[in-house]
Amino acid sequence: MTDTKVGFPRSPLPRFEEAEGLGPQDTEFVKDLVAVLAKYGNLDRFGLCLLHDHFPLSADEVLVETNDPEARTLHAHVEKADGTRHAKASQWRFVPHADHEPGREAGTDSCQEIMLCTTLDLCPGREHERGDR
């Protein structure tokens, strides 16, 4: 089970086709972000991803990533957050302080988990690590 923070609606994101990628106008932003990551020793831990939606998720759902290392593929599917066995978040979305869940202290939930995965026993292709042959 995961401790995924759900229960309140997510702000809508643009569809992939409409989402704007990094461009020359983002040079200073990226330099500042790299400097902050370097300051905290996180250059090899975090990066950027293009936030977008392919389909809507309910507040009680989470996108789950699995992989097959032998086929070299990634798969994503939707699960109920309170029923998923995938426990490691792999992508987060920043949340402005004004968007925090009512009653929660500002600053305690600066991110929403938007993608989960597990590094071992639940991903396809890892059966040999579980002994499920």
N, C-alpha and C. Protein backbone atom coordinates (compact mmCIF):
# COMPACT_ATOMS: atom_id res chain seq x y z
N MET A 1 0.85 -1.18 0.00
CA MET A 1 0.00 0.00 0.00
C MET A 1 0.89 1.23 0.00
N THR A 2 0.40 2.29 -0.55
CA THR A 2 1.18 3.52 -0.64
C THR A 2 0.56 4.60 0.23
N ASP A 3 1.35 5.61 0.53
CA ASP A 3 0.84 6.74 1.28
C ASP A 3 0.55 7.90 0.34
N THR A 4 0.13 7.59 -0.87
CA THR A 4 -0.14 8.60 -1.88
C THR A 4 -1.13 9.63 -1.36
N LYS A 5 -0.80 10.88 -1.57
CA LYS A 5 -1.66 11.96 -1.12
C LYS A 5 -2.74 12.20 -2.17
N VAL A 6 -3.93 11.66 -1.93
CA VAL A 6 -5.05 11.83 -2.84
C VAL A 6 -6.23 12.34 -2.04
N GLY A 7 -7.34 12.53 -2.71
CA GLY A 7 -8.54 12.94 -2.02
C GLY A 7 -8.97 14.35 -2.37
N PHE A 8 -8.18 15.04 -3.16
CA PHE A 8 -8.60 16.34 -3.63
C PHE A 8 -8.29 16.42 -5.12
N PRO A 9 -9.13 17.15 -5.87
CA PRO A 9 -8.95 17.19 -7.32
C PRO A 9 -7.64 17.82 -7.74
N ARG A 10 -7.11 17.33 -8.83
CA ARG A 10 -5.90 17.91 -9.41
C ARG A 10 -6.32 18.99 -10.40
N SER A 11 -5.53 20.03 -10.49
CA SER A 11 -5.79 21.03 -11.52
C SER A 11 -5.57 20.39 -12.88
N PRO A 12 -6.40 20.73 -13.85
CA PRO A 12 -6.23 20.10 -15.17
C PRO A 12 -4.90 20.48 -15.81
N LEU A 13 -4.36 19.54 -16.55
CA LEU A 13 -3.13 19.77 -17.31
C LEU A 13 -3.48 19.77 -18.79
N PRO A 14 -2.62 20.37 -19.61
CA PRO A 14 -2.88 20.32 -21.05
C PRO A 14 -2.69 18.91 -21.59
N ARG A 15 -3.37 18.61 -22.67
CA ARG A 15 -3.13 17.35 -23.36
C ARG A 15 -1.72 17.38 -23.92
N PHE A 16 -1.12 16.21 -24.14
CA PHE A 16 0.26 16.14 -24.61
C PHE A 16 0.46 16.98 -25.87
N GLU A 17 -0.48 16.90 -26.78
CA GLU A 17 -0.36 17.62 -28.05
C GLU A 17 -0.30 19.13 -27.86
N GLU A 18 -0.87 19.62 -26.76
CA GLU A 18 -0.94 21.06 -26.49
C GLU A 18 0.15 21.55 -25.53
N ALA A 19 0.81 20.64 -24.84
CA ALA A 19 1.81 21.02 -23.84
C ALA A 19 3.06 21.58 -24.53
N GLU A 20 3.56 22.68 -24.00
CA GLU A 20 4.73 23.34 -24.58
C GLU A 20 6.00 22.84 -23.92
N GLY A 21 6.91 22.31 -24.71
CA GLY A 21 8.19 21.83 -24.21
C GLY A 21 9.15 22.96 -23.92
N LEU A 22 10.34 22.59 -23.45
CA LEU A 22 11.37 23.59 -23.18
C LEU A 22 11.79 24.27 -24.48
N GLY A 23 12.09 25.54 -24.38
CA GLY A 23 12.55 26.30 -25.53
C GLY A 23 13.57 27.34 -25.11
N PRO A 24 14.03 28.13 -26.04
CA PRO A 24 15.05 29.15 -25.74
C PRO A 24 14.61 30.13 -24.65
N GLN A 25 13.31 30.38 -24.56
CA GLN A 25 12.78 31.30 -23.54
C GLN A 25 12.96 30.76 -22.12
N ASP A 26 13.30 29.48 -21.99
CA ASP A 26 13.43 28.84 -20.68
C ASP A 26 14.88 28.75 -20.20
N THR A 27 15.81 29.34 -20.91
CA THR A 27 17.23 29.22 -20.58
C THR A 27 17.54 29.65 -19.16
N GLU A 28 17.08 30.80 -18.74
CA GLU A 28 17.38 31.30 -17.38
C GLU A 28 16.70 30.44 -16.33
N PHE A 29 15.47 30.01 -16.60
CA PHE A 29 14.76 29.13 -15.67
C PHE A 29 15.55 27.84 -15.45
N VAL A 30 16.02 27.23 -16.53
CA VAL A 30 16.76 25.97 -16.41
C VAL A 30 18.07 26.20 -15.67
N LYS A 31 18.77 27.29 -15.96
CA LYS A 31 20.02 27.60 -15.23
C LYS A 31 19.75 27.73 -13.74
N ASP A 32 18.68 28.44 -13.38
CA ASP A 32 18.33 28.60 -11.95
C ASP A 32 17.97 27.27 -11.32
N LEU A 33 17.22 26.46 -12.03
CA LEU A 33 16.82 25.15 -11.51
C LEU A 33 18.04 24.26 -11.30
N VAL A 34 18.95 24.25 -12.26
CA VAL A 34 20.19 23.47 -12.14
C VAL A 34 20.98 23.95 -10.92
N ALA A 35 21.05 25.24 -10.71
CA ALA A 35 21.79 25.78 -9.57
C ALA A 35 21.17 25.32 -8.24
N VAL A 36 19.85 25.32 -8.15
CA VAL A 36 19.18 24.87 -6.93
C VAL A 36 19.42 23.38 -6.72
N LEU A 37 19.27 22.58 -7.76
CA LEU A 37 19.52 21.14 -7.64
C LEU A 37 20.96 20.87 -7.22
N ALA A 38 21.90 21.59 -7.80
CA ALA A 38 23.31 21.42 -7.44
C ALA A 38 23.55 21.83 -5.98
N LYS A 39 22.94 22.91 -5.55
CA LYS A 39 23.11 23.39 -4.18
C LYS A 39 22.73 22.31 -3.16
N TYR A 40 21.71 21.53 -3.47
CA TYR A 40 21.23 20.49 -2.55
C TYR A 40 21.70 19.09 -2.91
N GLY A 41 22.64 18.99 -3.85
CA GLY A 41 23.19 17.70 -4.22
C GLY A 41 22.22 16.79 -4.95
N ASN A 42 21.32 17.36 -5.71
CA ASN A 42 20.27 16.57 -6.37
C ASN A 42 20.33 16.57 -7.90
N LEU A 43 21.46 16.93 -8.48
CA LEU A 43 21.55 16.94 -9.95
C LEU A 43 21.38 15.55 -10.56
N ASP A 44 21.83 14.52 -9.87
CA ASP A 44 21.69 13.15 -10.39
C ASP A 44 20.50 12.43 -9.78
N ARG A 45 19.62 13.18 -9.13
CA ARG A 45 18.44 12.57 -8.49
C ARG A 45 17.14 13.03 -9.13
N PHE A 46 17.05 14.29 -9.52
CA PHE A 46 15.82 14.85 -10.08
C PHE A 46 16.10 15.53 -11.41
N GLY A 47 15.07 15.62 -12.23
CA GLY A 47 15.17 16.30 -13.52
C GLY A 47 13.84 16.96 -13.84
N LEU A 48 13.57 17.12 -15.10
CA LEU A 48 12.33 17.73 -15.56
C LEU A 48 11.51 16.73 -16.36
N CYS A 49 10.21 16.89 -16.31
CA CYS A 49 9.34 16.16 -17.24
C CYS A 49 8.26 17.14 -17.68
N LEU A 50 7.70 16.90 -18.83
CA LEU A 50 6.64 17.73 -19.37
C LEU A 50 5.32 17.27 -18.77
N LEU A 51 4.72 18.10 -17.93
CA LEU A 51 3.44 17.74 -17.34
C LEU A 51 2.36 17.83 -18.40
N HIS A 52 1.58 16.75 -18.50
CA HIS A 52 0.51 16.69 -19.49
C HIS A 52 -0.45 15.56 -19.11
N ASP A 53 -1.60 15.57 -19.71
CA ASP A 53 -2.59 14.50 -19.52
C ASP A 53 -2.86 13.82 -20.85
N HIS A 54 -3.03 12.50 -20.79
CA HIS A 54 -3.53 11.75 -21.93
C HIS A 54 -5.01 11.45 -21.74
N PHE A 55 -5.42 11.39 -20.46
CA PHE A 55 -6.80 11.11 -20.07
C PHE A 55 -6.97 11.59 -18.63
N PRO A 56 -8.19 11.88 -18.21
CA PRO A 56 -8.39 12.38 -16.84
C PRO A 56 -8.25 11.28 -15.80
N LEU A 57 -7.80 11.67 -14.61
CA LEU A 57 -7.74 10.79 -13.44
C LEU A 57 -8.64 11.38 -12.36
N SER A 58 -9.35 10.51 -11.64
CA SER A 58 -10.13 10.95 -10.49
C SER A 58 -9.18 11.24 -9.34
N ALA A 59 -9.68 11.95 -8.33
CA ALA A 59 -8.85 12.30 -7.17
C ALA A 59 -8.37 11.06 -6.42
N ASP A 60 -9.08 9.93 -6.56
CA ASP A 60 -8.69 8.72 -5.84
C ASP A 60 -7.91 7.74 -6.71
N GLU A 61 -7.43 8.20 -7.87
CA GLU A 61 -6.68 7.34 -8.79
C GLU A 61 -5.25 7.84 -8.93
N VAL A 62 -4.38 6.93 -9.33
CA VAL A 62 -2.99 7.27 -9.56
C VAL A 62 -2.50 6.51 -10.80
N LEU A 63 -1.59 7.11 -11.52
CA LEU A 63 -0.98 6.46 -12.67
C LEU A 63 0.18 5.61 -12.18
N VAL A 64 0.24 4.37 -12.64
CA VAL A 64 1.25 3.42 -12.17
C VAL A 64 2.12 3.01 -13.36
N GLU A 65 3.42 3.09 -13.17
CA GLU A 65 4.39 2.72 -14.19
C GLU A 65 4.96 1.35 -13.87
N THR A 66 4.99 0.48 -14.87
CA THR A 66 5.66 -0.80 -14.73
C THR A 66 6.62 -0.92 -15.91
N ASN A 67 7.56 -1.85 -15.81
CA ASN A 67 8.53 -1.98 -16.89
C ASN A 67 8.86 -3.45 -17.11
N ASP A 68 9.34 -3.70 -18.29
CA ASP A 68 9.83 -5.02 -18.66
C ASP A 68 11.26 -4.81 -19.16
N PRO A 69 12.26 -5.04 -18.31
CA PRO A 69 13.63 -4.76 -18.70
C PRO A 69 14.12 -5.63 -19.85
N GLU A 70 13.60 -6.85 -19.97
CA GLU A 70 14.03 -7.72 -21.07
C GLU A 70 13.51 -7.20 -22.41
N ALA A 71 12.26 -6.74 -22.45
CA ALA A 71 11.69 -6.19 -23.68
C ALA A 71 12.03 -4.70 -23.84
N ARG A 72 12.60 -4.12 -22.78
CA ARG A 72 12.94 -2.70 -22.76
C ARG A 72 11.73 -1.83 -23.06
N THR A 73 10.66 -2.06 -22.28
CA THR A 73 9.43 -1.29 -22.45
C THR A 73 8.95 -0.76 -21.10
N LEU A 74 8.23 0.35 -21.16
CA LEU A 74 7.54 0.92 -20.01
C LEU A 74 6.05 0.86 -20.29
N HIS A 75 5.27 0.66 -19.24
CA HIS A 75 3.82 0.61 -19.36
C HIS A 75 3.24 1.48 -18.25
N ALA A 76 2.15 2.17 -18.54
CA ALA A 76 1.46 2.96 -17.52
C ALA A 76 -0.01 2.59 -17.53
N HIS A 77 -0.59 2.48 -16.35
CA HIS A 77 -2.02 2.20 -16.23
C HIS A 77 -2.53 2.87 -14.96
N VAL A 78 -3.85 2.95 -14.84
CA VAL A 78 -4.49 3.62 -13.71
C VAL A 78 -4.89 2.59 -12.66
N GLU A 79 -4.65 2.92 -11.39
CA GLU A 79 -5.10 2.10 -10.26
C GLU A 79 -5.73 3.02 -9.23
N LYS A 80 -6.57 2.44 -8.37
CA LYS A 80 -7.10 3.19 -7.23
C LYS A 80 -5.94 3.39 -6.25
N ALA A 81 -5.75 4.60 -5.80
CA ALA A 81 -4.61 4.92 -4.94
C ALA A 81 -4.63 4.15 -3.63
N ASP A 82 -5.82 3.90 -3.10
CA ASP A 82 -5.87 3.19 -1.82
C ASP A 82 -5.77 1.68 -1.97
N GLY A 83 -5.66 1.19 -3.21
CA GLY A 83 -5.56 -0.24 -3.42
C GLY A 83 -4.30 -0.67 -4.15
N THR A 84 -3.49 0.29 -4.57
CA THR A 84 -2.29 -0.07 -5.32
C THR A 84 -1.23 -0.67 -4.40
N ARG A 85 -0.47 -1.60 -4.95
CA ARG A 85 0.66 -2.18 -4.21
C ARG A 85 1.96 -1.51 -4.64
N HIS A 86 1.90 -0.63 -5.61
CA HIS A 86 3.08 0.11 -6.06
C HIS A 86 3.32 1.23 -5.07
N ALA A 87 4.48 1.28 -4.49
CA ALA A 87 4.69 2.16 -3.35
C ALA A 87 5.74 3.24 -3.53
N LYS A 88 6.44 3.28 -4.62
CA LYS A 88 7.50 4.27 -4.77
C LYS A 88 7.10 5.30 -5.82
N ALA A 89 6.98 6.54 -5.40
CA ALA A 89 6.67 7.60 -6.34
C ALA A 89 7.85 7.85 -7.26
N SER A 90 7.57 8.08 -8.54
CA SER A 90 8.64 8.37 -9.49
C SER A 90 8.45 9.71 -10.19
N GLN A 91 7.26 10.30 -10.06
CA GLN A 91 7.03 11.63 -10.62
C GLN A 91 6.13 12.40 -9.67
N TRP A 92 6.43 13.69 -9.53
CA TRP A 92 5.68 14.56 -8.66
C TRP A 92 5.30 15.82 -9.44
N ARG A 93 4.29 16.47 -8.95
CA ARG A 93 3.84 17.74 -9.52
C ARG A 93 3.86 18.76 -8.39
N PHE A 94 4.48 19.92 -8.63
CA PHE A 94 4.49 20.98 -7.63
C PHE A 94 3.10 21.54 -7.45
N VAL A 95 2.77 21.90 -6.21
CA VAL A 95 1.46 22.44 -5.89
C VAL A 95 1.64 23.83 -5.29
N PRO A 96 1.07 24.86 -5.92
CA PRO A 96 1.15 26.19 -5.32
C PRO A 96 0.49 26.19 -3.94
N HIS A 97 0.97 26.99 -3.04
CA HIS A 97 0.43 27.01 -1.68
C HIS A 97 -1.07 27.27 -1.68
N ALA A 98 -1.58 28.06 -2.60
CA ALA A 98 -3.01 28.36 -2.65
C ALA A 98 -3.84 27.13 -3.01
N ASP A 99 -3.23 26.11 -3.61
CA ASP A 99 -3.97 24.92 -4.03
C ASP A 99 -3.95 23.80 -3.01
N HIS A 100 -3.43 24.04 -1.81
CA HIS A 100 -3.36 22.99 -0.80
C HIS A 100 -4.75 22.59 -0.34
N GLU A 101 -4.85 21.37 0.08
CA GLU A 101 -6.10 20.84 0.61
C GLU A 101 -6.51 21.67 1.82
N PRO A 102 -7.79 22.06 1.92
CA PRO A 102 -8.23 22.86 3.07
C PRO A 102 -7.90 22.14 4.38
N GLY A 103 -7.45 22.92 5.37
CA GLY A 103 -7.14 22.35 6.68
C GLY A 103 -5.72 21.84 6.80
N ARG A 104 -5.00 21.75 5.71
CA ARG A 104 -3.61 21.29 5.77
C ARG A 104 -2.70 22.51 5.89
N GLU A 105 -1.66 22.36 6.65
CA GLU A 105 -0.69 23.43 6.84
C GLU A 105 0.06 23.69 5.54
N ALA A 106 0.17 24.95 5.15
CA ALA A 106 0.90 25.31 3.93
C ALA A 106 2.35 24.87 4.07
N GLY A 107 2.91 24.36 3.00
CA GLY A 107 4.31 23.96 3.00
C GLY A 107 4.51 22.50 3.31
N THR A 108 3.49 21.81 3.84
CA THR A 108 3.66 20.40 4.17
C THR A 108 3.43 19.50 2.97
N ASP A 109 2.71 19.99 1.99
CA ASP A 109 2.42 19.20 0.80
C ASP A 109 2.74 20.02 -0.45
N SER A 110 4.01 20.23 -0.71
CA SER A 110 4.42 21.04 -1.84
C SER A 110 4.34 20.29 -3.16
N CYS A 111 4.13 18.95 -3.09
CA CYS A 111 4.08 18.13 -4.29
C CYS A 111 2.94 17.14 -4.20
N GLN A 112 2.39 16.79 -5.37
CA GLN A 112 1.46 15.68 -5.49
C GLN A 112 2.18 14.58 -6.24
N GLU A 113 2.04 13.35 -5.77
CA GLU A 113 2.59 12.22 -6.51
C GLU A 113 1.69 11.98 -7.72
N ILE A 114 2.30 11.89 -8.91
CA ILE A 114 1.49 11.68 -10.10
C ILE A 114 1.83 10.38 -10.81
N MET A 115 2.92 9.72 -10.41
CA MET A 115 3.28 8.43 -11.01
C MET A 115 3.96 7.59 -9.94
N LEU A 116 3.55 6.33 -9.86
CA LEU A 116 4.14 5.39 -8.90
C LEU A 116 4.77 4.24 -9.64
N CYS A 117 5.71 3.58 -9.02
CA CYS A 117 6.32 2.37 -9.55
C CYS A 117 6.92 1.61 -8.38
N THR A 118 7.33 0.41 -8.64
CA THR A 118 8.10 -0.34 -7.68
C THR A 118 9.34 -0.83 -8.39
N THR A 119 10.41 -0.94 -7.68
CA THR A 119 11.67 -1.32 -8.33
C THR A 119 11.83 -2.82 -8.43
N LEU A 120 10.96 -3.59 -7.75
CA LEU A 120 11.20 -5.03 -7.73
C LEU A 120 9.99 -5.84 -8.12
N ASP A 121 9.28 -6.36 -7.15
CA ASP A 121 8.44 -7.53 -7.36
C ASP A 121 7.14 -7.32 -8.10
N LEU A 122 6.70 -6.12 -8.40
CA LEU A 122 5.39 -5.96 -9.02
C LEU A 122 5.45 -5.66 -10.51
N CYS A 123 6.61 -5.39 -11.03
CA CYS A 123 6.72 -5.02 -12.44
C CYS A 123 6.87 -6.25 -13.32
N PRO A 124 6.23 -6.24 -14.49
CA PRO A 124 6.43 -7.36 -15.42
C PRO A 124 7.91 -7.53 -15.73
N GLY A 125 8.32 -8.78 -15.94
CA GLY A 125 9.71 -9.04 -16.26
C GLY A 125 10.58 -9.28 -15.05
N ARG A 126 10.03 -9.15 -13.85
CA ARG A 126 10.81 -9.32 -12.63
C ARG A 126 10.42 -10.59 -11.88
N GLU A 127 9.72 -11.50 -12.56
CA GLU A 127 9.26 -12.72 -11.90
C GLU A 127 10.41 -13.51 -11.30
N HIS A 128 11.56 -13.52 -11.98
CA HIS A 128 12.72 -14.28 -11.49
C HIS A 128 13.19 -13.74 -10.14
N GLU A 129 12.92 -12.48 -9.84
CA GLU A 129 13.32 -11.90 -8.56
C GLU A 129 12.37 -12.29 -7.45
N ARG A 130 11.16 -12.74 -7.81
CA ARG A 130 10.17 -13.18 -6.83
C ARG A 130 10.18 -14.68 -6.65
N GLY A 131 10.77 -15.40 -7.60
CA GLY A 131 10.73 -16.86 -7.54
C GLY A 131 9.45 -17.42 -8.11
N ASP A 132 8.74 -16.67 -8.98
CA ASP A 132 7.46 -17.08 -9.55
C ASP A 132 7.60 -17.82 -10.88
N ARG A 133 8.61 -18.53 -11.10
CA ARG A 133 8.79 -19.18 -12.39
C ARG A 133 7.84 -20.30 -12.60
